[in-house]
């Protein structure tokens, strides 16, 4: 099962833009699939989904208007740094005995960083089209983190809004799940 998750996450970056919008279904499926796994495997599987979403965002930065692309590139770089810290935290938590509370702390730290008000403030100055894409990526990442938090007994975080009053659409989330290679029928 772990190889399937890794293959799906790595193939995400190779999918066509038209299938870009459905990572949330993958997170929900991943939550179901990891129910019988040990805590380390569960944490790594959630981290792989987050990595996949960040890879999609990074791959799409060049298609954004240059001014927007520069801002989004800063956010994806921060996300990649946070994801690297998450991976290190997961490795350390695993080496320390693999307690759920340790993995919960890893994902809480990632969630606080990726959705910090200062990080999101810069995304609110993007053009409308860029904001919609970024809202999708932020939503997908937060839903992935929330699934991990729930799995480890934590409290979920609210999905921050990049575009006031305009959350990511269900259709866009389904398309992102398809881009990752997961059947969006689960959990939708």
C-alpha atoms as a PDB file:
ATOM      1  CA  UNK A   1       0.000   0.000   0.000  1.00  0.00           C
ATOM      2  CA  UNK A   2       2.866   2.364   0.850  1.00  0.00           C
ATOM      3  CA  UNK A   3       4.332   1.943  -2.644  1.00  0.00           C
ATOM      4  CA  UNK A   4       0.951   2.775  -4.194  1.00  0.00           C
ATOM      5  CA  UNK A   5       0.800   6.037  -2.242  1.00  0.00           C
ATOM      6  CA  UNK A   6       4.368   6.920  -3.196  1.00  0.00           C
ATOM      7  CA  UNK A   7       3.718   6.128  -6.858  1.00  0.00           C
ATOM      8  CA  UNK A   8       0.561   8.232  -6.866  1.00  0.00           C
ATOM      9  CA  UNK A   9       2.306  11.165  -5.231  1.00  0.00           C
ATOM     10  CA  UNK A  10       5.251  11.013  -7.623  1.00  0.00           C
ATOM     11  CA  UNK A  11       3.054  10.686 -10.694  1.00  0.00           C
ATOM     12  CA  UNK A  12       1.099  13.758  -9.653  1.00  0.00           C
ATOM     13  CA  UNK A  13       3.661  16.121 -11.140  1.00  0.00           C
ATOM     14  CA  UNK A  14       3.431  14.338 -14.501  1.00  0.00           C
ATOM     15  CA  UNK A  15      -0.343  14.679 -15.005  1.00  0.00           C
ATOM     16  CA  UNK A  16      -1.879  17.152 -17.441  1.00  0.00           C
ATOM     17  CA  UNK A  17      -3.045  20.565 -16.242  1.00  0.00           C
ATOM     18  CA  UNK A  18      -6.659  19.704 -17.109  1.00  0.00           C
ATOM     19  CA  UNK A  19      -6.622  17.085 -14.339  1.00  0.00           C
ATOM     20  CA  UNK A  20      -5.077  19.418 -11.824  1.00  0.00           C
ATOM     21  CA  UNK A  21      -7.794  19.951  -9.256  1.00  0.00           C
ATOM     22  CA  UNK A  22      -8.618  16.918  -7.025  1.00  0.00           C
ATOM     23  CA  UNK A  23      -6.098  16.135  -4.252  1.00  0.00           C
ATOM     24  CA  UNK A  24      -8.690  16.244  -1.530  1.00  0.00           C
ATOM     25  CA  UNK A  25     -10.226  12.955  -2.566  1.00  0.00           C
ATOM     26  CA  UNK A  26      -6.778  11.427  -2.351  1.00  0.00           C
ATOM     27  CA  UNK A  27      -6.379  12.657   1.184  1.00  0.00           C
ATOM     28  CA  UNK A  28      -9.682  11.132   2.196  1.00  0.00           C
ATOM     29  CA  UNK A  29      -8.791   7.864   0.502  1.00  0.00           C
ATOM     30  CA  UNK A  30      -5.384   7.975   2.089  1.00  0.00           C
ATOM     31  CA  UNK A  31      -7.006   8.423   5.492  1.00  0.00           C
ATOM     32  CA  UNK A  32      -9.076   5.287   4.871  1.00  0.00           C
ATOM     33  CA  UNK A  33      -6.132   3.346   3.470  1.00  0.00           C
ATOM     34  CA  UNK A  34      -3.831   4.211   6.355  1.00  0.00           C
ATOM     35  CA  UNK A  35      -6.289   3.220   9.070  1.00  0.00           C
ATOM     36  CA  UNK A  36      -4.502  -0.106   9.660  1.00  0.00           C
ATOM     37  CA  UNK A  37      -0.954   1.199   9.150  1.00  0.00           C
ATOM     38  CA  UNK A  38       1.511   2.075  11.875  1.00  0.00           C
ATOM     39  CA  UNK A  39       1.883   5.709  12.854  1.00  0.00           C
ATOM     40  CA  UNK A  40       5.136   6.210  10.922  1.00  0.00           C
ATOM     41  CA  UNK A  41       3.651   4.882   7.683  1.00  0.00           C
ATOM     42  CA  UNK A  42       0.513   6.943   8.191  1.00  0.00           C
ATOM     43  CA  UNK A  43       2.533  10.115   8.777  1.00  0.00           C
ATOM     44  CA  UNK A  44       4.729   9.472   5.751  1.00  0.00           C
ATOM     45  CA  UNK A  45       1.710   8.814   3.536  1.00  0.00           C
ATOM     46  CA  UNK A  46       0.142  12.138   4.514  1.00  0.00           C
ATOM     47  CA  UNK A  47       3.469  13.913   3.982  1.00  0.00           C
ATOM     48  CA  UNK A  48       3.671  12.370   0.491  1.00  0.00           C
ATOM     49  CA  UNK A  49       0.276  13.815  -0.439  1.00  0.00           C
ATOM     50  CA  UNK A  50       1.336  17.250   0.809  1.00  0.00           C
ATOM     51  CA  UNK A  51       4.544  16.965  -1.223  1.00  0.00           C
ATOM     52  CA  UNK A  52       2.526  16.069  -4.300  1.00  0.00           C
ATOM     53  CA  UNK A  53       0.276  19.093  -3.949  1.00  0.00           C
ATOM     54  CA  UNK A  54       3.289  21.372  -3.493  1.00  0.00           C
ATOM     55  CA  UNK A  55       4.881  19.822  -6.592  1.00  0.00           C
ATOM     56  CA  UNK A  56       1.774  20.653  -8.631  1.00  0.00           C
ATOM     57  CA  UNK A  57       1.857  24.230  -7.362  1.00  0.00           C
ATOM     58  CA  UNK A  58       5.565  24.604  -8.188  1.00  0.00           C
ATOM     59  CA  UNK A  59       5.034  23.156 -11.657  1.00  0.00           C
ATOM     60  CA  UNK A  60       2.265  25.662 -12.380  1.00  0.00           C
ATOM     61  CA  UNK A  61       4.093  28.788 -11.175  1.00  0.00           C
ATOM     62  CA  UNK A  62       5.603  29.465 -14.652  1.00  0.00           C
ATOM     63  CA  UNK A  63       2.087  29.596 -16.137  1.00  0.00           C
ATOM     64  CA  UNK A  64       1.091  32.460 -13.825  1.00  0.00           C
ATOM     65  CA  UNK A  65       1.563  36.128 -14.742  1.00  0.00           C
ATOM     66  CA  UNK A  66       5.174  37.054 -13.858  1.00  0.00           C
ATOM     67  CA  UNK A  67       4.324  39.290 -10.892  1.00  0.00           C
ATOM     68  CA  UNK A  68       1.998  36.639  -9.455  1.00  0.00           C
ATOM     69  CA  UNK A  69       4.472  33.872 -10.203  1.00  0.00           C
ATOM     70  CA  UNK A  70       7.155  35.588  -8.139  1.00  0.00           C
ATOM     71  CA  UNK A  71       4.849  35.803  -5.131  1.00  0.00           C
ATOM     72  CA  UNK A  72       3.572  32.237  -5.476  1.00  0.00           C
ATOM     73  CA  UNK A  73       7.134  30.962  -5.918  1.00  0.00           C
ATOM     74  CA  UNK A  74       7.978  32.452  -2.504  1.00  0.00           C
ATOM     75  CA  UNK A  75       4.992  30.639  -0.974  1.00  0.00           C
ATOM     76  CA  UNK A  76       5.866  27.301  -2.623  1.00  0.00           C
ATOM     77  CA  UNK A  77       9.488  27.696  -1.509  1.00  0.00           C
ATOM     78  CA  UNK A  78       8.270  28.265   2.051  1.00  0.00           C
ATOM     79  CA  UNK A  79       5.962  25.253   1.685  1.00  0.00           C
ATOM     80  CA  UNK A  80       8.855  23.107   0.453  1.00  0.00           C
ATOM     81  CA  UNK A  81      10.985  24.225   3.400  1.00  0.00           C
ATOM     82  CA  UNK A  82       8.164  23.403   5.804  1.00  0.00           C
ATOM     83  CA  UNK A  83       7.638  20.047   4.095  1.00  0.00           C
ATOM     84  CA  UNK A  84      11.342  19.261   4.532  1.00  0.00           C
ATOM     85  CA  UNK A  85      11.017  20.117   8.217  1.00  0.00           C
ATOM     86  CA  UNK A  86       7.934  17.878   8.381  1.00  0.00           C
ATOM     87  CA  UNK A  87       9.922  14.993   6.877  1.00  0.00           C
ATOM     88  CA  UNK A  88      12.720  15.523   9.404  1.00  0.00           C
ATOM     89  CA  UNK A  89      10.199  15.671  12.227  1.00  0.00           C
ATOM     90  CA  UNK A  90       8.552  12.437  11.047  1.00  0.00           C
ATOM     91  CA  UNK A  91      11.943  10.717  10.921  1.00  0.00           C
ATOM     92  CA  UNK A  92      12.784  11.942  14.435  1.00  0.00           C
ATOM     93  CA  UNK A  93       9.373  10.981  15.802  1.00  0.00           C
ATOM     94  CA  UNK A  94       9.724   7.529  14.296  1.00  0.00           C
ATOM     95  CA  UNK A  95      13.214   7.073  15.769  1.00  0.00           C
ATOM     96  CA  UNK A  96      11.890   8.171  19.171  1.00  0.00           C
ATOM     97  CA  UNK A  97       9.309   5.394  19.255  1.00  0.00           C
ATOM     98  CA  UNK A  98       6.684   6.493  16.758  1.00  0.00           C
ATOM     99  CA  UNK A  99       4.147   7.878  19.225  1.00  0.00           C
ATOM    100  CA  UNK A 100       1.066   9.479  17.711  1.00  0.00           C
ATOM    101  CA  UNK A 101       1.563  12.598  19.825  1.00  0.00           C
ATOM    102  CA  UNK A 102       4.976  13.173  18.242  1.00  0.00           C
ATOM    103  CA  UNK A 103       3.565  12.919  14.732  1.00  0.00           C
ATOM    104  CA  UNK A 104       0.691  15.172  15.742  1.00  0.00           C
ATOM    105  CA  UNK A 105       3.222  17.811  16.797  1.00  0.00           C
ATOM    106  CA  UNK A 106       4.941  17.508  13.400  1.00  0.00           C
ATOM    107  CA  UNK A 107       1.725  18.176  11.488  1.00  0.00           C
ATOM    108  CA  UNK A 108       0.619  20.961  13.854  1.00  0.00           C
ATOM    109  CA  UNK A 109       3.910  22.758  13.221  1.00  0.00           C
ATOM    110  CA  UNK A 110       3.555  22.348   9.448  1.00  0.00           C
ATOM    111  CA  UNK A 111      -0.066  23.580   9.559  1.00  0.00           C
ATOM    112  CA  UNK A 112       0.895  26.677  11.542  1.00  0.00           C
ATOM    113  CA  UNK A 113       3.628  27.549   9.054  1.00  0.00           C
ATOM    114  CA  UNK A 114       1.846  26.922   5.758  1.00  0.00           C
ATOM    115  CA  UNK A 115      -1.280  28.845   6.759  1.00  0.00           C
ATOM    116  CA  UNK A 116       0.322  31.621   8.780  1.00  0.00           C
ATOM    117  CA  UNK A 117      -1.315  35.006   8.275  1.00  0.00           C
ATOM    118  CA  UNK A 118       1.948  36.541   7.053  1.00  0.00           C
ATOM    119  CA  UNK A 119       2.365  33.808   4.422  1.00  0.00           C
ATOM    120  CA  UNK A 120      -1.215  34.131   3.228  1.00  0.00           C
ATOM    121  CA  UNK A 121      -1.273  37.944   3.210  1.00  0.00           C
ATOM    122  CA  UNK A 122       1.057  38.094   0.226  1.00  0.00           C
ATOM    123  CA  UNK A 123      -1.226  35.719  -1.717  1.00  0.00           C
ATOM    124  CA  UNK A 124      -4.183  38.061  -1.394  1.00  0.00           C
ATOM    125  CA  UNK A 125      -2.578  40.609  -3.731  1.00  0.00           C
ATOM    126  CA  UNK A 126      -2.519  38.188  -6.670  1.00  0.00           C
ATOM    127  CA  UNK A 127      -4.719  38.560  -9.735  1.00  0.00           C
ATOM    128  CA  UNK A 128      -8.100  36.834  -9.539  1.00  0.00           C
ATOM    129  CA  UNK A 129      -7.086  33.864 -11.704  1.00  0.00           C
ATOM    130  CA  UNK A 130      -3.930  33.259  -9.704  1.00  0.00           C
ATOM    131  CA  UNK A 131      -5.809  33.593  -6.420  1.00  0.00           C
ATOM    132  CA  UNK A 132      -8.244  30.883  -7.509  1.00  0.00           C
ATOM    133  CA  UNK A 133      -5.399  28.457  -8.256  1.00  0.00           C
ATOM    134  CA  UNK A 134      -3.624  29.235  -5.011  1.00  0.00           C
ATOM    135  CA  UNK A 135      -6.875  28.878  -3.053  1.00  0.00           C
ATOM    136  CA  UNK A 136      -7.174  25.364  -4.461  1.00  0.00           C
ATOM    137  CA  UNK A 137      -3.622  24.438  -3.425  1.00  0.00           C
ATOM    138  CA  UNK A 138      -4.018  25.945   0.056  1.00  0.00           C
ATOM    139  CA  UNK A 139      -7.328  24.130   0.522  1.00  0.00           C
ATOM    140  CA  UNK A 140      -5.894  20.806  -0.634  1.00  0.00           C
ATOM    141  CA  UNK A 141      -2.862  21.102   1.646  1.00  0.00           C
ATOM    142  CA  UNK A 142      -4.932  22.114   4.681  1.00  0.00           C
ATOM    143  CA  UNK A 143      -7.383  19.276   4.073  1.00  0.00           C
ATOM    144  CA  UNK A 144      -4.440  16.871   3.840  1.00  0.00           C
ATOM    145  CA  UNK A 145      -2.978  18.215   7.063  1.00  0.00           C
ATOM    146  CA  UNK A 146      -6.401  18.043   8.711  1.00  0.00           C
ATOM    147  CA  UNK A 147      -6.729  14.388   7.738  1.00  0.00           C
ATOM    148  CA  UNK A 148      -3.321  13.746   9.331  1.00  0.00           C
ATOM    149  CA  UNK A 149      -4.268  15.706  12.453  1.00  0.00           C
ATOM    150  CA  UNK A 150      -7.487  13.723  12.781  1.00  0.00           C
ATOM    151  CA  UNK A 151      -5.618  10.468  12.256  1.00  0.00           C
ATOM    152  CA  UNK A 152      -3.295  11.315  15.169  1.00  0.00           C
ATOM    153  CA  UNK A 153      -6.099  12.503  17.448  1.00  0.00           C
ATOM    154  CA  UNK A 154      -5.650  16.228  16.934  1.00  0.00           C
ATOM    155  CA  UNK A 155      -7.962  19.108  16.157  1.00  0.00           C
ATOM    156  CA  UNK A 156      -8.400  20.249  12.582  1.00  0.00           C
ATOM    157  CA  UNK A 157      -7.598  23.749  11.382  1.00  0.00           C
ATOM    158  CA  UNK A 158      -9.969  25.970   9.435  1.00  0.00           C
ATOM    159  CA  UNK A 159      -9.150  26.294   5.744  1.00  0.00           C
ATOM    160  CA  UNK A 160      -7.799  29.808   5.243  1.00  0.00           C
ATOM    161  CA  UNK A 161      -9.273  31.913   2.485  1.00  0.00           C
ATOM    162  CA  UNK A 162      -6.975  33.469  -0.081  1.00  0.00           C
ATOM    163  CA  UNK A 163      -9.980  34.741  -2.009  1.00  0.00           C
ATOM    164  CA  UNK A 164     -12.506  36.195   0.439  1.00  0.00           C
ATOM    165  CA  UNK A 165     -15.824  34.389   0.223  1.00  0.00           C
ATOM    166  CA  UNK A 166     -14.720  32.114  -2.615  1.00  0.00           C
ATOM    167  CA  UNK A 167     -13.545  28.687  -1.418  1.00  0.00           C
ATOM    168  CA  UNK A 168     -12.100  26.114  -3.804  1.00  0.00           C
ATOM    169  CA  UNK A 169     -14.878  24.436  -5.750  1.00  0.00           C
ATOM    170  CA  UNK A 170     -15.779  20.784  -5.417  1.00  0.00           C
ATOM    171  CA  UNK A 171     -15.137  20.282  -9.143  1.00  0.00           C
ATOM    172  CA  UNK A 172     -11.649  21.736  -8.858  1.00  0.00           C
ATOM    173  CA  UNK A 173     -10.850  19.536  -5.867  1.00  0.00           C
ATOM    174  CA  UNK A 174     -12.083  16.458  -7.761  1.00  0.00           C
ATOM    175  CA  UNK A 175      -9.911  17.364 -10.739  1.00  0.00           C
ATOM    176  CA  UNK A 176      -6.875  17.767  -8.471  1.00  0.00           C
ATOM    177  CA  UNK A 177      -7.539  14.305  -6.973  1.00  0.00           C
ATOM    178  CA  UNK A 178      -7.634  12.870 -10.489  1.00  0.00           C
ATOM    179  CA  UNK A 179      -4.332  14.542 -11.271  1.00  0.00           C
ATOM    180  CA  UNK A 180      -2.804  12.742  -8.319  1.00  0.00           C
ATOM    181  CA  UNK A 181      -4.308   9.532  -9.674  1.00  0.00           C
ATOM    182  CA  UNK A 182      -6.855   8.820  -6.965  1.00  0.00           C
ATOM    183  CA  UNK A 183     -10.515   8.030  -7.567  1.00  0.00           C
ATOM    184  CA  UNK A 184     -12.353  11.126  -6.309  1.00  0.00           C
ATOM    185  CA  UNK A 185     -15.500   9.089  -5.631  1.00  0.00           C
ATOM    186  CA  UNK A 186     -14.173   8.290  -2.170  1.00  0.00           C
ATOM    187  CA  UNK A 187     -15.113  10.906   0.364  1.00  0.00           C
ATOM    188  CA  UNK A 188     -16.944  13.279  -2.024  1.00  0.00           C
END
